[in-house]
Amino acid sequence: MHAYGQMPGMTDGDVKIGESTAILRYVAMKYNQSAYPVDDEARCGRIDYACDSWSRVYKAFSKVVYPIFGFMPMRARFLA
């Protein structure tokens, strides 16, 4: 569980961590270091940019994609 009682949250042994991008980075660094190569600052920077940019568009994205996948009701303006 996330420290503030929100999702997502993850426990891996003694490590408890929240926030989706922090979880992604942790999992990559621990289990697949080629996915987040900390010795390649430029590549990590591009990965971080993509992850952080996604958080800015997520709210608008979810209003379109969630109804398509059935996670929330479809708004009338999308049905036309």
Protein backbone atom coordinates (compact mmCIF):
# COMPACT_ATOMS: atom_id res chain seq x y z
CA MET A 1 0.00 0.00 0.00
CA HIS A 2 1.14 3.51 -0.82
CA ALA A 3 2.34 5.59 2.13
CA TYR A 4 -0.73 7.83 1.80
CA GLY A 5 -3.13 4.90 1.46
CA GLN A 6 -3.44 5.28 -2.31
CA MET A 7 -2.59 3.02 -5.19
CA PRO A 8 -0.30 2.02 -6.68
CA GLY A 9 1.88 0.66 -3.98
CA MET A 10 4.33 -2.24 -3.88
CA THR A 11 6.17 -4.33 -1.34
CA ASP A 12 9.31 -6.22 -2.30
CA GLY A 13 10.80 -7.86 0.76
CA ASP A 14 11.55 -5.04 3.21
CA VAL A 15 11.06 -2.34 0.56
CA LYS A 16 7.71 -0.56 0.47
CA ILE A 17 7.29 1.97 -2.32
CA GLY A 18 4.53 4.01 -3.93
CA GLU A 19 3.98 6.05 -7.09
CA SER A 20 3.93 4.31 -10.43
CA THR A 21 7.11 5.76 -11.92
CA ALA A 22 9.08 5.13 -8.74
CA ILE A 23 7.87 1.51 -8.81
CA LEU A 24 8.85 1.17 -12.48
CA ARG A 25 12.34 2.51 -11.82
CA TYR A 26 12.82 0.30 -8.77
CA VAL A 27 11.71 -2.86 -10.56
CA ALA A 28 13.89 -2.07 -13.58
CA MET A 29 16.97 -1.32 -11.48
CA LYS A 30 16.53 -4.44 -9.37
CA TYR A 31 15.30 -7.02 -11.89
CA ASN A 32 16.20 -5.76 -15.39
CA GLN A 33 19.05 -3.26 -15.23
CA SER A 34 19.20 -2.99 -19.03
CA ALA A 35 15.74 -1.37 -18.93
CA TYR A 36 17.01 1.50 -16.75
CA PRO A 37 20.80 1.62 -17.15
CA VAL A 38 21.91 3.95 -14.36
CA ASP A 39 25.38 4.19 -15.91
CA ASP A 40 23.83 5.85 -19.01
CA GLU A 41 22.60 9.20 -17.70
CA ALA A 42 21.28 10.35 -21.10
CA ARG A 43 19.15 7.23 -21.54
CA CYS A 44 17.82 7.43 -17.99
CA GLY A 45 17.06 11.10 -18.59
CA ARG A 46 14.96 10.24 -21.66
CA ILE A 47 13.14 7.51 -19.72
CA ASP A 48 12.48 9.92 -16.83
CA TYR A 49 11.24 12.57 -19.28
CA ALA A 50 8.80 10.10 -20.83
CA CYS A 51 7.53 8.94 -17.43
CA ASP A 52 7.16 12.46 -16.04
CA SER A 53 5.52 13.75 -19.23
CA TRP A 54 2.99 10.92 -19.10
CA SER A 55 1.78 12.12 -15.71
CA ARG A 56 0.88 15.47 -17.29
CA VAL A 57 -1.34 13.97 -20.00
CA TYR A 58 -2.83 11.13 -17.95
CA LYS A 59 -5.92 13.03 -16.79
CA ALA A 60 -7.00 13.89 -20.34
CA PHE A 61 -5.99 10.43 -21.60
CA SER A 62 -8.05 8.65 -18.95
CA LYS A 63 -11.20 10.54 -19.91
CA VAL A 64 -10.97 9.08 -23.40
CA VAL A 65 -9.43 5.64 -22.86
CA TYR A 66 -11.13 4.55 -19.62
CA PRO A 67 -14.63 4.60 -21.15
CA ILE A 68 -13.41 2.60 -24.15
CA PHE A 69 -12.12 -0.12 -21.83
CA GLY A 70 -15.25 0.03 -19.66
CA PHE A 71 -13.66 1.55 -16.55
CA MET A 72 -16.06 4.52 -16.56
CA PRO A 73 -19.23 5.50 -18.43
CA MET A 74 -18.93 6.76 -22.00
CA ARG A 75 -19.73 10.48 -22.30
CA ALA A 76 -22.32 11.47 -24.87
CA ARG A 77 -19.86 13.62 -26.82
CA PHE A 78 -17.72 10.55 -27.53
CA LEU A 79 -20.69 8.53 -28.81
CA ALA A 80 -21.48 10.82 -31.76
